[in-house]
Amino acid sequence: MKKYKCNCENIPIGSYDNQVALQAPIWSQKNRISVDSCLSPEIRYLWLCGVRTTGCCCGHNQLEPISGLNQNP
């Protein structure tokens, strides 16, 4: 399996550095949602496909990336 490499250099786990605020999808009760900038294209695509996410983290090149998906739309 290919190791995911993102653009988070020297960003510690738990840090909110290198995030972007995206316009929240229509199903969200928020106006904007912050996500790691390197995951923003994938998260936008999931939202466009109607997938509801519960959170995400790129892993900052230290851990495997995760995306939480809501099983109950």
Protein backbone atom coordinates (compact mmCIF):
# COMPACT_ATOMS: atom_id res chain seq x y z
CA MET A 1 0.00 0.00 0.00
CA LYS A 2 1.35 3.43 -0.95
CA LYS A 3 2.08 5.75 1.98
CA TYR A 4 0.05 8.94 1.87
CA LYS A 5 2.27 12.03 1.83
CA CYS A 6 0.68 15.41 2.49
CA ASN A 7 1.99 18.95 2.57
CA CYS A 8 1.98 19.17 6.37
CA GLU A 9 5.63 19.77 7.20
CA ASN A 10 6.41 20.26 10.90
CA ILE A 11 2.70 20.40 11.84
CA PRO A 12 2.25 18.53 15.15
CA ILE A 13 -0.59 16.10 15.74
CA GLY A 14 -3.51 17.97 17.31
CA SER A 15 -2.56 21.26 15.66
CA TYR A 16 -5.07 23.21 13.60
CA ASP A 17 -2.35 24.79 11.46
CA ASN A 18 -2.59 24.24 7.69
CA GLN A 19 -6.40 24.11 7.68
CA VAL A 20 -8.86 25.79 5.35
CA ALA A 21 -12.45 26.79 6.06
CA LEU A 22 -14.80 25.28 3.48
CA GLN A 23 -18.37 26.32 2.77
CA ALA A 24 -20.35 23.72 4.68
CA PRO A 25 -22.61 21.33 2.76
CA ILE A 26 -26.35 21.92 2.85
CA TRP A 27 -26.96 19.12 5.39
CA SER A 28 -24.66 20.76 7.95
CA GLN A 29 -25.93 23.17 10.57
CA LYS A 30 -22.69 25.17 10.24
CA ASN A 31 -21.75 27.83 7.69
CA ARG A 32 -18.12 26.78 7.38
CA ILE A 33 -16.13 23.70 8.34
CA SER A 34 -12.34 23.63 8.78
CA VAL A 35 -10.41 20.71 7.32
CA ASP A 36 -6.73 19.99 6.68
CA SER A 37 -5.92 21.78 3.42
CA CYS A 38 -4.40 18.68 1.82
CA LEU A 39 -7.69 16.75 2.34
CA SER A 40 -10.00 19.54 1.16
CA PRO A 41 -10.39 18.27 -2.45
CA GLU A 42 -11.38 14.80 -1.23
CA ILE A 43 -13.73 16.14 1.46
CA ARG A 44 -15.44 18.47 -1.05
CA TYR A 45 -15.86 15.54 -3.43
CA LEU A 46 -17.44 13.38 -0.69
CA TRP A 47 -19.86 16.21 0.15
CA LEU A 48 -20.69 16.69 -3.53
CA CYS A 49 -21.55 12.97 -3.70
CA GLY A 50 -23.86 13.34 -0.70
CA VAL A 51 -21.54 11.64 1.79
CA ARG A 52 -21.83 13.09 5.28
CA THR A 53 -18.54 13.32 7.13
CA THR A 54 -18.00 13.55 10.87
CA GLY A 55 -14.35 14.64 10.86
CA CYS A 56 -11.02 14.10 9.17
CA CYS A 57 -7.28 14.34 9.72
CA CYS A 58 -4.46 13.95 7.22
CA GLY A 59 -2.19 12.48 9.93
CA HIS A 60 0.42 15.21 9.42
CA ASN A 61 2.81 12.65 7.88
CA GLN A 62 2.97 10.89 11.26
CA LEU A 63 -0.25 8.83 11.32
CA GLU A 64 -2.53 7.30 8.70
CA PRO A 65 -5.12 9.79 7.40
CA ILE A 66 -8.74 9.29 8.47
CA SER A 67 -12.16 10.46 7.33
CA GLY A 68 -15.16 9.87 9.57
CA LEU A 69 -18.25 8.95 7.58
CA ASN A 70 -21.76 9.18 8.97
CA GLN A 71 -23.60 5.88 8.50
CA ASN A 72 -26.99 7.46 9.31
CA PRO A 73 -27.87 10.15 6.75
